[in-house]
Amino acid sequence: MGDREKRINNIIQEEWKQFDGVKNQGGRASCQDDWETFQIMRKSQYMPWPDELLDSILKDLQEAAAIGHNLMTEKYARMMESTAPEEYAAFKDRLPYRSSIRLKRQEDVIAQEVIWNEILCEKYPYFAGHGRKIHTAEDTSYATSVETYLRGEMTTWSDRTFNLYESWINTLKKTDGNLAQMTAETMVKFYGFPSIEQAEQQLRGNTPSNS
């Protein structure tokens, strides 16, 4: 196992500990017992990240754990601003403060990632159709969009981590990168496909015809 894989595994192990500790109103969620899927989803996200950014997110998790703060709980709590606004209003003032400037910068990053996800969906509709909806406007009480998920997760990061991430996203934008596709290309390999194109073809073939 190389240093990079160790970095990512350390992040995921710490996230899993915190994810295991999330207390849901309706009781423990089934996904909290699905290590295999959790590992694939998180590895797919982190594999494209630069090493400096990986080190920073691990530090965020470790620093939070050291003071008894659960970043995974915070992430899902922040998502409730869209998925359960009345419940969110009751506790939002207890969440860590983020300045209006920071939040505006986040929205600019999120807007770019939404564009990348829209491009991915247009190119690979069957593959993308098996994932989250893209837009916050599509949220329901039981399904969270990519946009809302990004907002919830990004807001838990330290300024150090967000600054690194923002800079990286801007670099990808300038070089015509697409993080949504980079993540997807990693994910399909975990599920045994050599490429997104192959996954798209198989999913297309497995979709019943309406005729």
N, C-alpha and C. Protein backbone atom coordinates (compact mmCIF):
# COMPACT_ATOMS: atom_id res chain seq x y z
N MET A 1 0.84 -1.19 0.00
CA MET A 1 0.00 0.00 0.00
C MET A 1 0.88 1.25 0.00
N GLY A 2 0.67 2.16 -0.95
CA GLY A 2 1.46 3.36 -1.05
C GLY A 2 1.03 4.42 -0.05
N ASP A 3 1.84 5.48 0.06
CA ASP A 3 1.53 6.56 1.00
C ASP A 3 0.19 7.21 0.69
N ARG A 4 -0.10 7.37 -0.59
CA ARG A 4 -1.36 8.03 -0.97
C ARG A 4 -2.57 7.20 -0.54
N GLU A 5 -2.49 5.91 -0.78
CA GLU A 5 -3.61 5.04 -0.37
C GLU A 5 -3.75 5.02 1.15
N LYS A 6 -2.63 5.05 1.85
CA LYS A 6 -2.69 5.10 3.31
C LYS A 6 -3.36 6.38 3.79
N ARG A 7 -3.02 7.49 3.13
CA ARG A 7 -3.66 8.77 3.47
C ARG A 7 -5.18 8.65 3.37
N ILE A 8 -5.61 8.14 2.22
CA ILE A 8 -7.06 8.05 1.97
C ILE A 8 -7.72 7.08 2.94
N ASN A 9 -7.08 5.95 3.18
CA ASN A 9 -7.65 4.98 4.13
C ASN A 9 -7.75 5.56 5.53
N ASN A 10 -6.77 6.34 5.95
CA ASN A 10 -6.83 6.98 7.27
C ASN A 10 -8.01 7.94 7.37
N ILE A 11 -8.24 8.69 6.30
CA ILE A 11 -9.39 9.61 6.26
C ILE A 11 -10.69 8.82 6.39
N ILE A 12 -10.82 7.79 5.59
CA ILE A 12 -12.07 7.03 5.55
C ILE A 12 -12.32 6.30 6.88
N GLN A 13 -11.27 5.80 7.49
CA GLN A 13 -11.43 5.13 8.79
C GLN A 13 -11.94 6.13 9.84
N GLU A 14 -11.39 7.34 9.83
CA GLU A 14 -11.84 8.35 10.80
C GLU A 14 -13.27 8.79 10.49
N GLU A 15 -13.59 8.94 9.21
CA GLU A 15 -14.96 9.29 8.84
C GLU A 15 -15.93 8.20 9.27
N TRP A 16 -15.54 6.94 9.08
CA TRP A 16 -16.42 5.83 9.43
C TRP A 16 -16.72 5.82 10.93
N LYS A 17 -15.71 6.10 11.74
CA LYS A 17 -15.93 6.19 13.19
C LYS A 17 -16.97 7.25 13.51
N GLN A 18 -16.82 8.41 12.85
CA GLN A 18 -17.75 9.50 13.13
C GLN A 18 -19.13 9.22 12.53
N PHE A 19 -19.15 8.61 11.35
CA PHE A 19 -20.42 8.23 10.72
C PHE A 19 -21.18 7.24 11.59
N ASP A 20 -20.45 6.30 12.18
CA ASP A 20 -21.04 5.31 13.07
C ASP A 20 -21.69 5.98 14.28
N GLY A 21 -21.18 7.16 14.65
CA GLY A 21 -21.70 7.86 15.82
C GLY A 21 -22.83 8.82 15.54
N VAL A 22 -23.23 8.96 14.28
CA VAL A 22 -24.34 9.86 13.95
C VAL A 22 -25.64 9.31 14.53
N LYS A 23 -26.37 10.14 15.24
CA LYS A 23 -27.65 9.76 15.83
C LYS A 23 -28.79 10.31 14.98
N ASN A 24 -29.57 9.44 14.40
CA ASN A 24 -30.69 9.84 13.56
C ASN A 24 -31.98 9.87 14.35
N GLN A 25 -32.86 10.79 13.99
CA GLN A 25 -34.15 10.90 14.69
C GLN A 25 -34.96 9.61 14.58
N GLY A 26 -34.88 8.96 13.43
CA GLY A 26 -35.66 7.74 13.22
C GLY A 26 -34.91 6.47 13.59
N GLY A 27 -33.78 6.61 14.30
CA GLY A 27 -32.98 5.43 14.64
C GLY A 27 -31.83 5.24 13.67
N ARG A 28 -31.04 4.25 13.90
CA ARG A 28 -29.85 3.99 13.10
C ARG A 28 -30.22 3.70 11.64
N ALA A 29 -29.51 4.35 10.73
CA ALA A 29 -29.77 4.15 9.29
C ALA A 29 -29.04 2.92 8.80
N SER A 30 -29.62 2.24 7.82
CA SER A 30 -29.00 1.01 7.29
C SER A 30 -27.63 1.28 6.68
N CYS A 31 -27.43 2.48 6.10
CA CYS A 31 -26.15 2.79 5.48
C CYS A 31 -25.02 2.88 6.51
N GLN A 32 -25.37 3.03 7.79
CA GLN A 32 -24.34 3.08 8.83
C GLN A 32 -23.74 1.70 9.12
N ASP A 33 -24.34 0.67 8.54
CA ASP A 33 -23.80 -0.68 8.67
C ASP A 33 -23.27 -1.22 7.34
N ASP A 34 -23.18 -0.34 6.35
CA ASP A 34 -22.74 -0.76 5.01
C ASP A 34 -21.34 -0.20 4.73
N TRP A 35 -20.34 -0.82 5.34
CA TRP A 35 -18.97 -0.37 5.20
C TRP A 35 -18.50 -0.42 3.75
N GLU A 36 -18.89 -1.45 3.01
CA GLU A 36 -18.39 -1.63 1.65
C GLU A 36 -18.80 -0.45 0.76
N THR A 37 -20.07 -0.09 0.79
CA THR A 37 -20.54 1.03 -0.03
C THR A 37 -19.93 2.34 0.44
N PHE A 38 -19.88 2.53 1.75
CA PHE A 38 -19.28 3.75 2.31
C PHE A 38 -17.84 3.90 1.82
N GLN A 39 -17.09 2.83 1.88
CA GLN A 39 -15.69 2.86 1.49
C GLN A 39 -15.54 3.21 0.00
N ILE A 40 -16.37 2.61 -0.84
CA ILE A 40 -16.30 2.89 -2.27
C ILE A 40 -16.65 4.34 -2.57
N MET A 41 -17.72 4.83 -1.97
CA MET A 41 -18.15 6.21 -2.22
C MET A 41 -17.08 7.21 -1.79
N ARG A 42 -16.52 6.99 -0.60
CA ARG A 42 -15.55 7.94 -0.08
C ARG A 42 -14.21 7.84 -0.82
N LYS A 43 -13.78 6.65 -1.15
CA LYS A 43 -12.54 6.50 -1.92
C LYS A 43 -12.70 7.15 -3.30
N SER A 44 -13.85 6.97 -3.90
CA SER A 44 -14.08 7.57 -5.21
C SER A 44 -13.98 9.09 -5.13
N GLN A 45 -14.45 9.65 -4.04
CA GLN A 45 -14.37 11.10 -3.86
C GLN A 45 -12.93 11.55 -3.67
N TYR A 46 -12.18 10.82 -2.85
CA TYR A 46 -10.87 11.30 -2.45
C TYR A 46 -9.73 10.95 -3.40
N MET A 47 -9.88 9.95 -4.22
CA MET A 47 -8.78 9.53 -5.10
C MET A 47 -8.28 10.65 -6.00
N PRO A 48 -9.14 11.51 -6.55
CA PRO A 48 -8.62 12.59 -7.40
C PRO A 48 -7.95 13.74 -6.63
N TRP A 49 -8.16 13.82 -5.31
CA TRP A 49 -7.70 14.98 -4.55
C TRP A 49 -6.18 15.05 -4.47
N PRO A 50 -5.60 16.26 -4.47
CA PRO A 50 -4.16 16.40 -4.25
C PRO A 50 -3.77 16.02 -2.82
N ASP A 51 -2.51 15.62 -2.62
CA ASP A 51 -2.06 15.14 -1.31
C ASP A 51 -2.23 16.19 -0.22
N GLU A 52 -1.92 17.44 -0.52
CA GLU A 52 -2.01 18.50 0.49
C GLU A 52 -3.44 18.64 1.00
N LEU A 53 -4.40 18.50 0.11
CA LEU A 53 -5.81 18.58 0.47
C LEU A 53 -6.23 17.38 1.31
N LEU A 54 -5.73 16.20 0.95
CA LEU A 54 -6.02 15.00 1.74
C LEU A 54 -5.49 15.16 3.17
N ASP A 55 -4.27 15.68 3.30
CA ASP A 55 -3.69 15.88 4.63
C ASP A 55 -4.53 16.85 5.44
N SER A 56 -5.06 17.87 4.78
CA SER A 56 -5.83 18.89 5.48
C SER A 56 -7.17 18.36 5.97
N ILE A 57 -7.86 17.56 5.15
CA ILE A 57 -9.16 17.03 5.58
C ILE A 57 -8.97 16.03 6.71
N LEU A 58 -7.88 15.26 6.69
CA LEU A 58 -7.60 14.35 7.79
C LEU A 58 -7.37 15.13 9.08
N LYS A 59 -6.66 16.23 8.97
CA LYS A 59 -6.42 17.08 10.14
C LYS A 59 -7.72 17.63 10.68
N ASP A 60 -8.63 18.04 9.79
CA ASP A 60 -9.95 18.50 10.23
C ASP A 60 -10.66 17.44 11.06
N LEU A 61 -10.66 16.21 10.55
CA LEU A 61 -11.34 15.11 11.24
C LEU A 61 -10.68 14.82 12.59
N GLN A 62 -9.38 14.81 12.62
CA GLN A 62 -8.66 14.52 13.86
C GLN A 62 -8.85 15.62 14.89
N GLU A 63 -8.81 16.86 14.44
CA GLU A 63 -9.01 17.98 15.36
C GLU A 63 -10.43 17.99 15.93
N ALA A 64 -11.40 17.66 15.09
CA ALA A 64 -12.78 17.59 15.56
C ALA A 64 -12.95 16.47 16.59
N ALA A 65 -12.38 15.29 16.28
CA ALA A 65 -12.49 14.15 17.19
C ALA A 65 -11.84 14.46 18.54
N ALA A 66 -10.76 15.23 18.51
CA ALA A 66 -10.03 15.54 19.75
C ALA A 66 -10.86 16.38 20.72
N ILE A 67 -11.81 17.14 20.19
CA ILE A 67 -12.66 17.96 21.06
C ILE A 67 -14.08 17.39 21.18
N GLY A 68 -14.27 16.17 20.66
CA GLY A 68 -15.57 15.52 20.77
C GLY A 68 -16.61 16.03 19.80
N HIS A 69 -16.17 16.64 18.71
CA HIS A 69 -17.11 17.15 17.71
C HIS A 69 -17.17 16.18 16.54
N ASN A 70 -18.37 15.84 16.10
CA ASN A 70 -18.57 14.87 15.02
C ASN A 70 -18.88 15.62 13.73
N LEU A 71 -17.92 15.63 12.80
CA LEU A 71 -18.11 16.35 11.55
C LEU A 71 -19.17 15.71 10.66
N MET A 72 -19.36 14.40 10.79
CA MET A 72 -20.40 13.75 9.99
C MET A 72 -21.79 14.14 10.48
N THR A 73 -21.93 14.23 11.79
CA THR A 73 -23.20 14.72 12.34
C THR A 73 -23.47 16.14 11.87
N GLU A 74 -22.44 16.97 11.92
CA GLU A 74 -22.59 18.36 11.47
C GLU A 74 -22.98 18.42 9.99
N LYS A 75 -22.35 17.59 9.18
CA LYS A 75 -22.65 17.58 7.74
C LYS A 75 -24.12 17.30 7.49
N TYR A 76 -24.64 16.25 8.10
CA TYR A 76 -26.04 15.90 7.88
C TYR A 76 -26.98 16.92 8.49
N ALA A 77 -26.55 17.53 9.60
CA ALA A 77 -27.37 18.60 10.19
C ALA A 77 -27.48 19.78 9.24
N ARG A 78 -26.38 20.13 8.60
CA ARG A 78 -26.40 21.27 7.68
C ARG A 78 -27.25 20.99 6.44
N MET A 79 -27.28 19.74 5.99
CA MET A 79 -28.13 19.39 4.86
C MET A 79 -29.61 19.62 5.16
N MET A 80 -29.95 19.54 6.43
CA MET A 80 -31.36 19.68 6.81
C MET A 80 -31.90 21.08 6.57
N GLU A 81 -31.02 22.04 6.30
CA GLU A 81 -31.50 23.38 5.94
C GLU A 81 -32.43 23.29 4.72
N SER A 82 -32.12 22.33 3.83
CA SER A 82 -32.96 22.13 2.65
C SER A 82 -33.97 21.00 2.83
N THR A 83 -33.54 19.89 3.44
CA THR A 83 -34.39 18.70 3.48
C THR A 83 -35.39 18.70 4.65
N ALA A 84 -35.08 19.45 5.72
CA ALA A 84 -35.98 19.52 6.88
C ALA A 84 -35.82 20.90 7.53
N PRO A 85 -36.27 21.95 6.84
CA PRO A 85 -35.99 23.32 7.29
C PRO A 85 -36.53 23.68 8.67
N GLU A 86 -37.66 23.13 9.07
CA GLU A 86 -38.22 23.46 10.38
C GLU A 86 -37.33 22.91 11.50
N GLU A 87 -36.90 21.67 11.34
CA GLU A 87 -36.00 21.07 12.34
C GLU A 87 -34.66 21.80 12.35
N TYR A 88 -34.19 22.17 11.17
CA TYR A 88 -32.91 22.88 11.06
C TYR A 88 -32.95 24.21 11.80
N ALA A 89 -34.04 24.92 11.68
CA ALA A 89 -34.17 26.24 12.32
C ALA A 89 -34.00 26.16 13.84
N ALA A 90 -34.34 25.01 14.41
CA ALA A 90 -34.30 24.86 15.87
C ALA A 90 -32.88 24.73 16.40
N PHE A 91 -31.92 24.28 15.55
CA PHE A 91 -30.57 24.07 16.07
C PHE A 91 -29.48 24.78 15.26
N LYS A 92 -29.81 25.51 14.22
CA LYS A 92 -28.79 26.07 13.33
C LYS A 92 -27.82 26.99 14.06
N ASP A 93 -28.29 27.68 15.10
CA ASP A 93 -27.42 28.61 15.82
C ASP A 93 -26.36 27.89 16.65
N ARG A 94 -26.49 26.58 16.82
CA ARG A 94 -25.51 25.82 17.59
C ARG A 94 -24.41 25.23 16.70
N LEU A 95 -24.55 25.38 15.40
CA LEU A 95 -23.53 24.89 14.47
C LEU A 95 -22.37 25.87 14.39
N PRO A 96 -21.16 25.39 14.08
CA PRO A 96 -20.01 26.28 13.96
C PRO A 96 -20.27 27.42 12.97
N TYR A 97 -19.80 28.60 13.33
CA TYR A 97 -20.05 29.80 12.53
C TYR A 97 -19.26 29.78 11.23
N ARG A 98 -19.90 30.22 10.15
CA ARG A 98 -19.23 30.45 8.88
C ARG A 98 -19.62 31.84 8.39
N SER A 99 -18.63 32.64 8.01
CA SER A 99 -18.90 34.02 7.60
C SER A 99 -19.65 34.06 6.27
N SER A 100 -20.29 35.18 6.00
CA SER A 100 -21.01 35.35 4.74
C SER A 100 -20.05 35.31 3.56
N ILE A 101 -18.83 35.79 3.77
CA ILE A 101 -17.82 35.76 2.69
C ILE A 101 -17.45 34.31 2.36
N ARG A 102 -17.21 33.53 3.40
CA ARG A 102 -16.88 32.12 3.19
C ARG A 102 -18.03 31.40 2.48
N LEU A 103 -19.26 31.65 2.92
CA LEU A 103 -20.41 30.98 2.32
C LEU A 103 -20.58 31.37 0.85
N LYS A 104 -20.32 32.63 0.54
CA LYS A 104 -20.42 33.08 -0.86
C LYS A 104 -19.36 32.39 -1.71
N ARG A 105 -18.16 32.27 -1.20
CA ARG A 105 -17.10 31.57 -1.94
C ARG A 105 -17.47 30.10 -2.15
N GLN A 106 -18.07 29.49 -1.13
CA GLN A 106 -18.52 28.11 -1.26
C GLN A 106 -19.54 27.98 -2.38
N GLU A 107 -20.48 28.92 -2.44
CA GLU A 107 -21.53 28.84 -3.46
C GLU A 107 -20.94 28.92 -4.86
N ASP A 108 -19.87 29.69 -5.02
CA ASP A 108 -19.22 29.76 -6.33
C ASP A 108 -18.60 28.42 -6.70
N VAL A 109 -17.98 27.75 -5.73
CA VAL A 109 -17.39 26.44 -5.97
C VAL A 109 -18.49 25.42 -6.27
N ILE A 110 -19.53 25.45 -5.48
CA ILE A 110 -20.65 24.50 -5.66
C ILE A 110 -21.29 24.69 -7.04
N ALA A 111 -21.45 25.95 -7.47
CA ALA A 111 -22.04 26.21 -8.79
C ALA A 111 -21.22 25.56 -9.89
N GLN A 112 -19.89 25.60 -9.76
CA GLN A 112 -19.04 24.96 -10.75
C GLN A 112 -19.21 23.44 -10.72
N GLU A 113 -19.31 22.89 -9.53
CA GLU A 113 -19.47 21.43 -9.43
C GLU A 113 -20.84 20.98 -9.96
N VAL A 114 -21.84 21.81 -9.79
CA VAL A 114 -23.15 21.51 -10.36
C VAL A 114 -23.06 21.45 -11.88
N ILE A 115 -22.34 22.40 -12.48
CA ILE A 115 -22.15 22.39 -13.93
C ILE A 115 -21.47 21.11 -14.38
N TRP A 116 -20.43 20.71 -13.66
CA TRP A 116 -19.72 19.48 -14.02
C TRP A 116 -20.64 18.26 -13.92
N ASN A 117 -21.49 18.23 -12.91
CA ASN A 117 -22.43 17.12 -12.77
C ASN A 117 -23.47 17.12 -13.86
N GLU A 118 -23.90 18.30 -14.28
CA GLU A 118 -24.85 18.40 -15.40
C GLU A 118 -24.23 17.87 -16.69
N ILE A 119 -22.96 18.20 -16.91
CA ILE A 119 -22.25 17.70 -18.09
C ILE A 119 -22.15 16.18 -18.05
N LEU A 120 -21.79 15.65 -16.88
CA LEU A 120 -21.69 14.20 -16.72
C LEU A 120 -23.04 13.52 -16.99
N CYS A 121 -24.10 14.10 -16.49
CA CYS A 121 -25.45 13.55 -16.67
C CYS A 121 -25.86 13.56 -18.13
N GLU A 122 -25.48 14.61 -18.83
CA GLU A 122 -25.82 14.70 -20.25
C GLU A 122 -25.07 13.65 -21.06
N LYS A 123 -23.80 13.40 -20.69
CA LYS A 123 -22.98 12.42 -21.42
C LYS A 123 -23.35 10.98 -21.07
N TYR A 124 -23.69 10.76 -19.79
CA TYR A 124 -23.94 9.39 -19.31
C TYR A 124 -25.23 9.36 -18.49
N PRO A 125 -26.37 9.51 -19.15
CA PRO A 125 -27.64 9.63 -18.41
C PRO A 125 -28.02 8.38 -17.62
N TYR A 126 -27.70 7.20 -18.12
CA TYR A 126 -28.07 5.99 -17.40
C TYR A 126 -27.20 5.81 -16.16
N PHE A 127 -25.92 6.08 -16.30
CA PHE A 127 -25.02 6.02 -15.15
C PHE A 127 -25.42 7.07 -14.11
N ALA A 128 -25.58 8.30 -14.55
CA ALA A 128 -25.92 9.38 -13.63
C ALA A 128 -27.30 9.17 -12.99
N GLY A 129 -28.18 8.50 -13.71
CA GLY A 129 -29.52 8.26 -13.19
C GLY A 129 -29.55 7.34 -11.99
N HIS A 130 -28.45 6.64 -11.72
CA HIS A 130 -28.37 5.76 -10.56
C HIS A 130 -27.79 6.48 -9.34
N GLY A 131 -27.46 7.75 -9.51
CA GLY A 131 -26.91 8.53 -8.40
C GLY A 131 -27.90 9.54 -7.86
N ARG A 132 -27.38 10.50 -7.13
CA ARG A 132 -28.22 11.55 -6.57
C ARG A 132 -28.76 12.47 -7.66
N LYS A 133 -29.90 13.09 -7.40
CA LYS A 133 -30.33 14.22 -8.22
C LYS A 133 -29.28 15.32 -8.05
N ILE A 134 -29.24 16.24 -8.98
CA ILE A 134 -28.17 17.23 -8.95
C ILE A 134 -28.52 18.46 -8.12
N HIS A 135 -29.74 18.96 -8.24
CA HIS A 135 -30.06 20.30 -7.74
C HIS A 135 -30.80 20.30 -6.41
N THR A 136 -30.52 21.31 -5.60
CA THR A 136 -31.19 21.47 -4.32
C THR A 136 -32.71 21.53 -4.48
N ALA A 137 -33.16 22.10 -5.58
CA ALA A 137 -34.60 22.18 -5.83
C ALA A 137 -35.25 20.80 -5.94
N GLU A 138 -34.45 19.77 -6.14
CA GLU A 138 -34.95 18.40 -6.27
C GLU A 138 -34.90 17.63 -4.95
N ASP A 139 -34.45 18.27 -3.87
CA ASP A 139 -34.38 17.61 -2.56
C ASP A 139 -35.76 17.18 -2.08
N THR A 140 -35.78 16.09 -1.34
CA THR A 140 -36.97 15.69 -0.60
C THR A 140 -36.53 15.38 0.83
N SER A 141 -37.48 15.04 1.68
CA SER A 141 -37.13 14.71 3.07
C SER A 141 -36.33 13.43 3.17
N TYR A 142 -36.31 12.62 2.11
CA TYR A 142 -35.60 11.34 2.15
C TYR A 142 -34.52 11.21 1.07
N ALA A 143 -34.32 12.24 0.26
CA ALA A 143 -33.31 12.19 -0.81
C ALA A 143 -32.62 13.54 -0.93
N THR A 144 -31.29 13.53 -0.83
CA THR A 144 -30.49 14.75 -0.85
C THR A 144 -29.74 14.86 -2.16
N SER A 145 -29.79 16.01 -2.77
CA SER A 145 -29.13 16.25 -4.05
C SER A 145 -27.63 16.41 -3.89
N VAL A 146 -26.94 16.34 -5.02
CA VAL A 146 -25.50 16.60 -5.05
C VAL A 146 -25.21 18.00 -4.52
N GLU A 147 -25.97 18.97 -4.97
CA GLU A 147 -25.74 20.37 -4.57
C GLU A 147 -25.86 20.54 -3.06
N THR A 148 -26.90 19.99 -2.47
CA THR A 148 -27.11 20.11 -1.03
C THR A 148 -26.06 19.33 -0.25
N TYR A 149 -25.69 18.16 -0.76
CA TYR A 149 -24.65 17.35 -0.11
C TYR A 149 -23.33 18.10 -0.08
N LEU A 150 -22.96 18.68 -1.22
CA LEU A 150 -21.73 19.47 -1.29
C LEU A 150 -21.76 20.62 -0.28
N ARG A 151 -22.88 21.30 -0.22
CA ARG A 151 -23.01 22.44 0.69
C ARG A 151 -22.86 21.99 2.14
N GLY A 152 -23.51 20.88 2.48
CA GLY A 152 -23.42 20.38 3.85
C GLY A 152 -22.01 19.97 4.21
N GLU A 153 -21.33 19.26 3.31
CA GLU A 153 -19.99 18.78 3.60
C GLU A 153 -18.97 19.92 3.62
N MET A 154 -19.03 20.76 2.62
CA MET A 154 -18.05 21.84 2.49
C MET A 154 -18.08 22.79 3.68
N THR A 155 -19.26 22.99 4.23
CA THR A 155 -19.40 23.93 5.35
C THR A 155 -18.79 23.38 6.64
N THR A 156 -18.53 22.09 6.69
CA THR A 156 -17.87 21.53 7.88
C THR A 156 -16.36 21.71 7.84
N TRP A 157 -15.81 22.04 6.69
CA TRP A 157 -14.35 22.10 6.55
C TRP A 157 -13.78 23.33 7.23
N SER A 158 -12.54 23.22 7.67
CA SER A 158 -11.80 24.37 8.17
C SER A 158 -11.54 25.34 7.02
N ASP A 159 -11.21 26.59 7.35
CA ASP A 159 -10.83 27.56 6.31
C ASP A 159 -9.62 27.06 5.54
N ARG A 160 -8.71 26.42 6.23
CA ARG A 160 -7.51 25.87 5.58
C ARG A 160 -7.89 24.88 4.48
N THR A 161 -8.76 23.95 4.81
CA THR A 161 -9.18 22.94 3.83
C THR A 161 -9.97 23.56 2.70
N PHE A 162 -10.90 24.45 3.05
CA PHE A 162 -11.70 25.07 1.98
C PHE A 162 -10.83 25.88 1.03
N ASN A 163 -9.86 26.63 1.56
CA ASN A 163 -8.99 27.43 0.70
C ASN A 163 -8.23 26.55 -0.30
N LEU A 164 -7.72 25.41 0.19
CA LEU A 164 -7.01 24.48 -0.69
C LEU A 164 -7.95 23.91 -1.75
N TYR A 165 -9.16 23.56 -1.33
CA TYR A 165 -10.13 22.96 -2.24
C TYR A 165 -10.55 23.97 -3.31
N GLU A 166 -10.85 25.18 -2.88
CA GLU A 166 -11.25 26.23 -3.82
C GLU A 166 -10.17 26.47 -4.87
N SER A 167 -8.92 26.54 -4.43
CA SER A 167 -7.81 26.75 -5.35
C SER A 167 -7.71 25.61 -6.35
N TRP A 168 -7.88 24.38 -5.87
CA TRP A 168 -7.80 23.21 -6.75
C TRP A 168 -8.93 23.21 -7.77
N ILE A 169 -10.15 23.52 -7.32
CA ILE A 169 -11.30 23.57 -8.22
C ILE A 169 -11.07 24.62 -9.31
N ASN A 170 -10.53 25.77 -8.93
CA ASN A 170 -10.25 26.82 -9.91
C ASN A 170 -9.20 26.36 -10.92
N THR A 171 -8.21 25.59 -10.46
CA THR A 171 -7.21 25.05 -11.38
C THR A 171 -7.84 24.07 -12.36
N LEU A 172 -8.71 23.18 -11.84
CA LEU A 172 -9.40 22.23 -12.72
C LEU A 172 -10.23 22.95 -13.77
N LYS A 173 -10.90 24.00 -13.34
CA LYS A 173 -11.74 24.78 -14.26
C LYS A 173 -10.90 25.38 -15.39
N LYS A 174 -9.73 25.92 -15.03
CA LYS A 174 -8.86 26.54 -16.03
C LYS A 174 -8.28 25.53 -17.00
N THR A 175 -8.13 24.29 -16.55
CA THR A 175 -7.52 23.25 -17.40
C THR A 175 -8.56 22.32 -18.01
N ASP A 176 -9.84 22.74 -17.96
CA ASP A 176 -10.94 21.95 -18.54
C ASP A 176 -11.11 20.59 -17.87
N GLY A 177 -10.76 20.51 -16.59
CA GLY A 177 -11.04 19.28 -15.84
C GLY A 177 -12.51 19.21 -15.46
N ASN A 178 -12.93 18.04 -15.05
CA ASN A 178 -14.31 17.85 -14.59
C ASN A 178 -14.25 16.90 -13.41
N LEU A 179 -14.40 17.44 -12.20
CA LEU A 179 -14.25 16.61 -11.00
C LEU A 179 -15.33 15.54 -10.92
N ALA A 180 -16.54 15.85 -11.38
CA ALA A 180 -17.61 14.84 -11.35
C ALA A 180 -17.23 13.62 -12.18
N GLN A 181 -16.63 13.87 -13.34
CA GLN A 181 -16.22 12.74 -14.19
C GLN A 181 -15.02 12.02 -13.59
N MET A 182 -14.08 12.75 -13.00
CA MET A 182 -12.92 12.12 -12.36
C MET A 182 -13.37 11.18 -11.24
N THR A 183 -14.33 11.63 -10.46
CA THR A 183 -14.86 10.81 -9.37
C THR A 183 -15.57 9.58 -9.92
N ALA A 184 -16.38 9.79 -10.96
CA ALA A 184 -17.13 8.69 -11.56
C ALA A 184 -16.19 7.65 -12.17
N GLU A 185 -15.13 8.10 -12.80
CA GLU A 185 -14.18 7.18 -13.42
C GLU A 185 -13.53 6.28 -12.37
N THR A 186 -13.30 6.82 -11.19
CA THR A 186 -12.77 6.02 -10.09
C THR A 186 -13.82 5.03 -9.59
N MET A 187 -15.03 5.52 -9.42
CA MET A 187 -16.10 4.69 -8.85
C MET A 187 -16.41 3.46 -9.70
N VAL A 188 -16.51 3.64 -11.01
CA VAL A 188 -16.91 2.50 -11.85
C VAL A 188 -15.88 1.38 -11.78
N LYS A 189 -14.63 1.72 -11.58
CA LYS A 189 -13.59 0.69 -11.48
C LYS A 189 -13.78 -0.15 -10.22
N PHE A 190 -14.24 0.45 -9.14
CA PHE A 190 -14.53 -0.31 -7.93
C PHE A 190 -15.66 -1.32 -8.16
N TYR A 191 -16.54 -1.01 -9.12
CA TYR A 191 -17.66 -1.90 -9.42
C TYR A 191 -17.36 -2.82 -10.61
N GLY A 192 -16.09 -2.84 -11.04
CA GLY A 192 -15.69 -3.82 -12.04
C GLY A 192 -15.77 -3.38 -13.48
N PHE A 193 -16.03 -2.09 -13.73
CA PHE A 193 -16.10 -1.61 -15.10
C PHE A 193 -14.78 -0.93 -15.48
N PRO A 194 -14.30 -1.12 -16.69
CA PRO A 194 -13.06 -0.47 -17.10
C PRO A 194 -13.22 1.02 -17.37
N SER A 195 -14.46 1.46 -17.61
CA SER A 195 -14.69 2.87 -17.95
C SER A 195 -16.15 3.23 -17.69
N ILE A 196 -16.42 4.54 -17.66
CA ILE A 196 -17.82 4.99 -17.54
C ILE A 196 -18.61 4.57 -18.77
N GLU A 197 -17.96 4.61 -19.93
CA GLU A 197 -18.65 4.21 -21.17
C GLU A 197 -19.18 2.78 -21.07
N GLN A 198 -18.35 1.89 -20.52
CA GLN A 198 -18.78 0.49 -20.37
C GLN A 198 -19.93 0.38 -19.37
N ALA A 199 -19.83 1.13 -18.28
CA ALA A 199 -20.91 1.12 -17.29
C ALA A 199 -22.20 1.66 -17.89
N GLU A 200 -22.09 2.73 -18.67
CA GLU A 200 -23.26 3.33 -19.32
C GLU A 200 -23.91 2.33 -20.28
N GLN A 201 -23.11 1.63 -21.06
CA GLN A 201 -23.65 0.66 -22.01
C GLN A 201 -24.39 -0.47 -21.30
N GLN A 202 -23.81 -0.96 -20.20
CA GLN A 202 -24.47 -2.06 -19.49
C GLN A 202 -25.76 -1.59 -18.84
N LEU A 203 -25.73 -0.41 -18.24
CA LEU A 203 -26.93 0.10 -17.60
C LEU A 203 -28.01 0.40 -18.64
N ARG A 204 -27.60 0.89 -19.77
CA ARG A 204 -28.57 1.14 -20.86
C ARG A 204 -29.22 -0.17 -21.30
N GLY A 205 -28.39 -1.21 -21.41
CA GLY A 205 -28.92 -2.50 -21.84
C GLY A 205 -29.82 -3.16 -20.82
N ASN A 206 -29.64 -2.82 -19.53
CA ASN A 206 -30.45 -3.41 -18.47
C ASN A 206 -31.72 -2.61 -18.17
N THR A 207 -31.92 -1.48 -18.88
CA THR A 207 -33.09 -0.65 -18.64
C THR A 207 -34.26 -1.13 -19.50
N PRO A 208 -35.40 -1.49 -18.89
CA PRO A 208 -36.54 -1.99 -19.68
C PRO A 208 -37.03 -0.95 -20.66
N SER A 209 -37.43 -1.41 -21.81
CA SER A 209 -38.00 -0.51 -22.82
C SER A 209 -39.43 -0.15 -22.45
N ASN A 210 -39.83 1.09 -22.83
CA ASN A 210 -41.22 1.52 -22.58
C ASN A 210 -42.16 1.09 -23.70
N SER A 211 -41.61 0.53 -24.75
CA SER A 211 -42.45 0.16 -25.90
C SER A 211 -43.15 -1.17 -25.66
